[in-house]
Amino acid sequence: EISPSGKGLRIWIAAPSDERATKRRV
């Protein structure tokens, strides 16, 4: 989906089991 600004994008996915995904990553 498109972000509120109209300039970004977000993908919502099923909660992953990958351990790397536990923390917020930038």
PDB file of all heavy atoms in Angstrom:
ATOM      1  N   GLU A   1       0.820  -1.206   0.000  1.00  0.00           N
ATOM      2  CA  GLU A   1       0.000   0.000   0.000  1.00  0.00           C
ATOM      3  C   GLU A   1       0.854   1.255   0.000  1.00  0.00           C
ATOM      4  O   GLU A   1       2.032   1.234   0.375  1.00  0.00           O
ATOM      5  CB  GLU A   1      -0.936   0.013   1.211  1.00  0.00           C
ATOM      6  CG  GLU A   1      -0.220   0.072   2.553  1.00  0.00           C
ATOM      7  CD  GLU A   1      -1.188   0.182   3.725  1.00  0.00           C
ATOM      8  OE1 GLU A   1      -2.352  -0.239   3.590  1.00  0.00           O
ATOM      9  OE2 GLU A   1      -0.771   0.700   4.780  1.00  0.00           O
ATOM     10  N   ILE A   2       0.223   2.361  -0.415  1.00  0.00           N
ATOM     11  CA  ILE A   2       0.889   3.652  -0.458  1.00  0.00           C
ATOM     12  C   ILE A   2       0.851   4.299   0.921  1.00  0.00           C
ATOM     13  O   ILE A   2      -0.137   4.201   1.647  1.00  0.00           O
ATOM     14  CB  ILE A   2       0.186   4.588  -1.469  1.00  0.00           C
ATOM     15  CG1 ILE A   2       0.179   3.957  -2.863  1.00  0.00           C
ATOM     16  CG2 ILE A   2       0.863   5.952  -1.519  1.00  0.00           C
ATOM     17  CD1 ILE A   2       1.536   3.772  -3.472  1.00  0.00           C
ATOM     18  N   SER A   3       1.936   4.951   1.305  1.00  0.00           N
ATOM     19  CA  SER A   3       2.029   5.604   2.610  1.00  0.00           C
ATOM     20  C   SER A   3       1.200   6.894   2.624  1.00  0.00           C
ATOM     21  O   SER A   3       0.760   7.379   1.574  1.00  0.00           O
ATOM     22  CB  SER A   3       3.492   5.936   2.919  1.00  0.00           C
ATOM     23  OG  SER A   3       3.945   6.969   2.052  1.00  0.00           O
ATOM     24  N   PRO A   4       0.967   7.488   3.804  1.00  0.00           N
ATOM     25  CA  PRO A   4       0.170   8.723   3.880  1.00  0.00           C
ATOM     26  C   PRO A   4       0.710   9.867   3.027  1.00  0.00           C
ATOM     27  O   PRO A   4      -0.064  10.660   2.490  1.00  0.00           O
ATOM     28  CB  PRO A   4       0.227   9.080   5.378  1.00  0.00           C
ATOM     29  CG  PRO A   4       0.425   7.780   6.060  1.00  0.00           C
ATOM     30  CD  PRO A   4       1.328   6.985   5.146  1.00  0.00           C
ATOM     31  N   SER A   5       2.024   9.966   2.898  1.00  0.00           N
ATOM     32  CA  SER A   5       2.620  11.058   2.117  1.00  0.00           C
ATOM     33  C   SER A   5       2.438  10.873   0.621  1.00  0.00           C
ATOM     34  O   SER A   5       2.568  11.827  -0.150  1.00  0.00           O
ATOM     35  CB  SER A   5       4.119  11.160   2.423  1.00  0.00           C
ATOM     36  OG  SER A   5       4.805  10.027   1.896  1.00  0.00           O
ATOM     37  N   GLY A   6       2.150   9.646   0.201  1.00  0.00           N
ATOM     38  CA  GLY A   6       2.060   9.351  -1.223  1.00  0.00           C
ATOM     39  C   GLY A   6       3.410   9.086  -1.849  1.00  0.00           C
ATOM     40  O   GLY A   6       3.506   8.770  -3.031  1.00  0.00           O
ATOM     41  N   LYS A   7       4.486   9.157  -1.035  1.00  0.00           N
ATOM     42  CA  LYS A   7       5.837   8.997  -1.562  1.00  0.00           C
ATOM     43  C   LYS A   7       6.490   7.682  -1.151  1.00  0.00           C
ATOM     44  O   LYS A   7       7.556   7.340  -1.646  1.00  0.00           O
ATOM     45  CB  LYS A   7       6.721  10.155  -1.071  1.00  0.00           C
ATOM     46  CG  LYS A   7       6.248  11.532  -1.512  1.00  0.00           C
ATOM     47  CD  LYS A   7       7.134  12.622  -0.939  1.00  0.00           C
ATOM     48  CE  LYS A   7       6.643  14.000  -1.327  1.00  0.00           C
ATOM     49  NZ  LYS A   7       7.499  15.086  -0.745  1.00  0.00           N
ATOM     50  N   GLY A   8       5.854   6.965  -0.224  1.00  0.00           N
ATOM     51  CA  GLY A   8       6.425   5.719   0.273  1.00  0.00           C
ATOM     52  C   GLY A   8       5.518   4.539   0.019  1.00  0.00           C
ATOM     53  O   GLY A   8       4.368   4.683  -0.409  1.00  0.00           O
ATOM     54  N   LEU A   9       6.050   3.363   0.295  1.00  0.00           N
ATOM     55  CA  LEU A   9       5.311   2.126   0.084  1.00  0.00           C
ATOM     56  C   LEU A   9       5.519   1.224   1.287  1.00  0.00           C
ATOM     57  O   LEU A   9       6.592   1.210   1.890  1.00  0.00           O
ATOM     58  CB  LEU A   9       5.814   1.412  -1.180  1.00  0.00           C
ATOM     59  CG  LEU A   9       4.998   0.204  -1.631  1.00  0.00           C
ATOM     60  CD1 LEU A   9       3.797   0.678  -2.454  1.00  0.00           C
ATOM     61  CD2 LEU A   9       5.846  -0.743  -2.468  1.00  0.00           C
ATOM     62  N   ARG A  10       4.480   0.469   1.628  1.00  0.00           N
ATOM     63  CA  ARG A  10       4.589  -0.476   2.726  1.00  0.00           C
ATOM     64  C   ARG A  10       4.075  -1.823   2.255  1.00  0.00           C
ATOM     65  O   ARG A  10       3.050  -1.902   1.574  1.00  0.00           O
ATOM     66  CB  ARG A  10       3.764   0.017   3.911  1.00  0.00           C
ATOM     67  CG  ARG A  10       4.036  -0.700   5.191  1.00  0.00           C
ATOM     68  CD  ARG A  10       3.695   0.186   6.359  1.00  0.00           C
ATOM     69  NE  ARG A  10       4.548   1.368   6.382  1.00  0.00           N
ATOM     70  CZ  ARG A  10       4.086   2.621   6.388  1.00  0.00           C
ATOM     71  NH1 ARG A  10       2.805   2.856   6.371  1.00  0.00           N
ATOM     72  NH2 ARG A  10       4.929   3.632   6.418  1.00  0.00           N
ATOM     73  N   ILE A  11       4.789  -2.883   2.597  1.00  0.00           N
ATOM     74  CA  ILE A  11       4.329  -4.233   2.305  1.00  0.00           C
ATOM     75  C   ILE A  11       4.044  -4.913   3.638  1.00  0.00           C
ATOM     76  O   ILE A  11       4.922  -4.998   4.503  1.00  0.00           O
ATOM     77  CB  ILE A  11       5.374  -5.041   1.509  1.00  0.00           C
ATOM     78  CG1 ILE A  11       5.671  -4.370   0.170  1.00  0.00           C
ATOM     79  CG2 ILE A  11       4.864  -6.465   1.262  1.00  0.00           C
ATOM     80  CD1 ILE A  11       6.729  -5.085  -0.664  1.00  0.00           C
ATOM     81  N   TRP A  12       2.803  -5.364   3.807  1.00  0.00           N
ATOM     82  CA  TRP A  12       2.425  -6.100   5.013  1.00  0.00           C
ATOM     83  C   TRP A  12       2.483  -7.578   4.707  1.00  0.00           C
ATOM     84  O   TRP A  12       1.911  -8.030   3.723  1.00  0.00           O
ATOM     85  CB  TRP A  12       1.027  -5.688   5.471  1.00  0.00           C
ATOM     86  CG  TRP A  12       0.983  -4.308   6.030  1.00  0.00           C
ATOM     87  CD1 TRP A  12       0.547  -3.180   5.388  1.00  0.00           C
ATOM     88  CD2 TRP A  12       1.417  -3.891   7.325  1.00  0.00           C
ATOM     89  NE1 TRP A  12       0.681  -2.084   6.203  1.00  0.00           N
ATOM     90  CE2 TRP A  12       1.208  -2.488   7.400  1.00  0.00           C
ATOM     91  CE3 TRP A  12       1.954  -4.562   8.421  1.00  0.00           C
ATOM     92  CZ2 TRP A  12       1.522  -1.754   8.541  1.00  0.00           C
ATOM     93  CZ3 TRP A  12       2.267  -3.827   9.558  1.00  0.00           C
ATOM     94  CH2 TRP A  12       2.042  -2.438   9.613  1.00  0.00           C
ATOM     95  N   ILE A  13       3.193  -8.325   5.547  1.00  0.00           N
ATOM     96  CA  ILE A  13       3.391  -9.749   5.299  1.00  0.00           C
ATOM     97  C   ILE A  13       2.983 -10.562   6.530  1.00  0.00           C
ATOM     98  O   ILE A  13       2.826 -10.022   7.630  1.00  0.00           O
ATOM     99  CB  ILE A  13       4.867 -10.050   4.940  1.00  0.00           C
ATOM    100  CG1 ILE A  13       5.780  -9.833   6.158  1.00  0.00           C
ATOM    101  CG2 ILE A  13       5.321  -9.179   3.769  1.00  0.00           C
ATOM    102  CD1 ILE A  13       7.229 -10.242   5.930  1.00  0.00           C
ATOM    103  N   ALA A  14       2.811 -11.857   6.340  1.00  0.00           N
ATOM    104  CA  ALA A  14       2.530 -12.741   7.467  1.00  0.00           C
ATOM    105  C   ALA A  14       3.748 -12.750   8.384  1.00  0.00           C
ATOM    106  O   ALA A  14       4.891 -12.759   7.915  1.00  0.00           O
ATOM    107  CB  ALA A  14       2.218 -14.148   6.975  1.00  0.00           C
ATOM    108  N   ALA A  15       3.521 -12.733   9.680  1.00  0.00           N
ATOM    109  CA  ALA A  15       4.618 -12.672  10.646  1.00  0.00           C
ATOM    110  C   ALA A  15       5.645 -13.771  10.371  1.00  0.00           C
ATOM    111  O   ALA A  15       5.304 -14.946  10.337  1.00  0.00           O
ATOM    112  CB  ALA A  15       4.077 -12.815  12.060  1.00  0.00           C
ATOM    113  N   PRO A  16       6.912 -13.395  10.147  1.00  0.00           N
ATOM    114  CA  PRO A  16       7.946 -14.373   9.796  1.00  0.00           C
ATOM    115  C   PRO A  16       8.555 -15.063  11.013  1.00  0.00           C
ATOM    116  O   PRO A  16       8.509 -14.557  12.132  1.00  0.00           O
ATOM    117  CB  PRO A  16       9.001 -13.511   9.099  1.00  0.00           C
ATOM    118  CG  PRO A  16       8.882 -12.186   9.793  1.00  0.00           C
ATOM    119  CD  PRO A  16       7.418 -12.020  10.107  1.00  0.00           C
ATOM    120  N   SER A  17       9.151 -16.223  10.771  1.00  0.00           N
ATOM    121  CA  SER A  17       9.853 -16.948  11.831  1.00  0.00           C
ATOM    122  C   SER A  17      11.366 -16.707  11.755  1.00  0.00           C
ATOM    123  O   SER A  17      12.105 -17.135  12.642  1.00  0.00           O
ATOM    124  CB  SER A  17       9.579 -18.453  11.719  1.00  0.00           C
ATOM    125  OG  SER A  17       9.968 -18.943  10.442  1.00  0.00           O
ATOM    126  N   ASP A  18      11.828 -16.031  10.723  1.00  0.00           N
ATOM    127  CA  ASP A  18      13.244 -15.726  10.541  1.00  0.00           C
ATOM    128  C   ASP A  18      13.757 -14.934  11.750  1.00  0.00           C
ATOM    129  O   ASP A  18      13.222 -13.870  12.086  1.00  0.00           O
ATOM    130  CB  ASP A  18      13.424 -14.894   9.264  1.00  0.00           C
ATOM    131  CG  ASP A  18      14.878 -14.753   8.846  1.00  0.00           C
ATOM    132  OD1 ASP A  18      15.748 -14.557   9.718  1.00  0.00           O
ATOM    133  OD2 ASP A  18      15.152 -14.845   7.628  1.00  0.00           O
ATOM    134  N   GLU A  19      14.784 -15.446  12.423  1.00  0.00           N
ATOM    135  CA  GLU A  19      15.306 -14.799  13.628  1.00  0.00           C
ATOM    136  C   GLU A  19      15.819 -13.390  13.350  1.00  0.00           C
ATOM    137  O   GLU A  19      15.804 -12.528  14.237  1.00  0.00           O
ATOM    138  CB  GLU A  19      16.422 -15.645  14.244  1.00  0.00           C
ATOM    139  CG  GLU A  19      15.939 -16.947  14.864  1.00  0.00           C
ATOM    140  CD  GLU A  19      17.049 -17.688  15.584  1.00  0.00           C
ATOM    141  OE1 GLU A  19      18.181 -17.166  15.618  1.00  0.00           O
ATOM    142  OE2 GLU A  19      16.778 -18.780  16.117  1.00  0.00           O
ATOM    143  N   ARG A  20      16.268 -13.142  12.126  1.00  0.00           N
ATOM    144  CA  ARG A  20      16.763 -11.810  11.776  1.00  0.00           C
ATOM    145  C   ARG A  20      15.658 -10.760  11.828  1.00  0.00           C
ATOM    146  O   ARG A  20      15.921  -9.562  11.932  1.00  0.00           O
ATOM    147  CB  ARG A  20      17.384 -11.820  10.375  1.00  0.00           C
ATOM    148  CG  ARG A  20      18.617 -12.694  10.221  1.00  0.00           C
ATOM    149  CD  ARG A  20      19.070 -12.699   8.768  1.00  0.00           C
ATOM    150  NE  ARG A  20      18.029 -13.239   7.889  1.00  0.00           N
ATOM    151  CZ  ARG A  20      18.045 -13.120   6.555  1.00  0.00           C
ATOM    152  NH1 ARG A  20      19.041 -12.493   5.956  1.00  0.00           N
ATOM    153  NH2 ARG A  20      17.066 -13.642   5.830  1.00  0.00           N
ATOM    154  N   ALA A  21      14.407 -11.219  11.730  1.00  0.00           N
ATOM    155  CA  ALA A  21      13.275 -10.294  11.675  1.00  0.00           C
ATOM    156  C   ALA A  21      12.795  -9.868  13.053  1.00  0.00           C
ATOM    157  O   ALA A  21      11.925  -9.007  13.164  1.00  0.00           O
ATOM    158  CB  ALA A  21      12.126 -10.943  10.903  1.00  0.00           C
ATOM    159  N   THR A  22      13.357 -10.445  14.105  1.00  0.00           N
ATOM    160  CA  THR A  22      12.879 -10.157  15.466  1.00  0.00           C
ATOM    161  C   THR A  22      13.025  -8.688  15.808  1.00  0.00           C
ATOM    162  O   THR A  22      12.125  -8.074  16.384  1.00  0.00           O
ATOM    163  CB  THR A  22      13.652 -11.002  16.495  1.00  0.00           C
ATOM    164  OG1 THR A  22      13.501 -12.381  16.184  1.00  0.00           O
ATOM    165  CG2 THR A  22      13.127 -10.737  17.896  1.00  0.00           C
ATOM    166  N   LYS A  23      14.166  -8.099  15.453  1.00  0.00           N
ATOM    167  CA  LYS A  23      14.416  -6.697  15.766  1.00  0.00           C
ATOM    168  C   LYS A  23      14.124  -5.808  14.564  1.00  0.00           C
ATOM    169  O   LYS A  23      14.150  -6.247  13.427  1.00  0.00           O
ATOM    170  CB  LYS A  23      15.876  -6.495  16.187  1.00  0.00           C
ATOM    171  CG  LYS A  23      16.271  -7.248  17.452  1.00  0.00           C
ATOM    172  CD  LYS A  23      17.702  -6.932  17.824  1.00  0.00           C
ATOM    173  CE  LYS A  23      18.153  -7.721  19.051  1.00  0.00           C
ATOM    174  NZ  LYS A  23      17.352  -7.389  20.240  1.00  0.00           N
ATOM    175  N   ARG A  24      13.831  -4.572  14.868  1.00  0.00           N
ATOM    176  CA  ARG A  24      13.666  -3.569  13.821  1.00  0.00           C
ATOM    177  C   ARG A  24      15.009  -3.388  13.108  1.00  0.00           C
ATOM    178  O   ARG A  24      16.051  -3.260  13.753  1.00  0.00           O
ATOM    179  CB  ARG A  24      13.228  -2.245  14.441  1.00  0.00           C
ATOM    180  CG  ARG A  24      13.186  -1.090  13.460  1.00  0.00           C
ATOM    181  CD  ARG A  24      12.952   0.218  14.198  1.00  0.00           C
ATOM    182  NE  ARG A  24      13.040   1.358  13.291  1.00  0.00           N
ATOM    183  CZ  ARG A  24      13.518   2.552  13.636  1.00  0.00           C
ATOM    184  NH1 ARG A  24      13.933   2.761  14.874  1.00  0.00           N
ATOM    185  NH2 ARG A  24      13.562   3.524  12.762  1.00  0.00           N
ATOM    186  N   ARG A  25      14.984  -3.407  11.785  1.00  0.00           N
ATOM    187  CA  ARG A  25      16.217  -3.232  11.016  1.00  0.00           C
ATOM    188  C   ARG A  25      16.026  -2.139   9.969  1.00  0.00           C
ATOM    189  O   ARG A  25      14.976  -2.036   9.354  1.00  0.00           O
ATOM    190  CB  ARG A  25      16.645  -4.543  10.354  1.00  0.00           C
ATOM    191  CG  ARG A  25      17.063  -5.604  11.372  1.00  0.00           C
ATOM    192  CD  ARG A  25      17.500  -6.899  10.723  1.00  0.00           C
ATOM    193  NE  ARG A  25      17.876  -7.893  11.725  1.00  0.00           N
ATOM    194  CZ  ARG A  25      19.099  -8.028  12.223  1.00  0.00           C
ATOM    195  NH1 ARG A  25      20.072  -7.241  11.793  1.00  0.00           N
ATOM    196  NH2 ARG A  25      19.366  -8.938  13.135  1.00  0.00           N
ATOM    197  N   VAL A  26      17.074  -1.350   9.806  1.00  0.00           N
ATOM    198  CA  VAL A  26      17.014  -0.199   8.913  1.00  0.00           C
ATOM    199  C   VAL A  26      18.092  -0.312   7.850  1.00  0.00           C
ATOM    200  O   VAL A  26      19.229  -0.690   8.137  1.00  0.00           O
ATOM    201  CB  VAL A  26      17.203   1.114   9.705  1.00  0.00           C
ATOM    202  CG1 VAL A  26      17.143   2.314   8.771  1.00  0.00           C
ATOM    203  CG2 VAL A  26      16.142   1.240  10.802  1.00  0.00           C
TER     204      VAL A  26
END
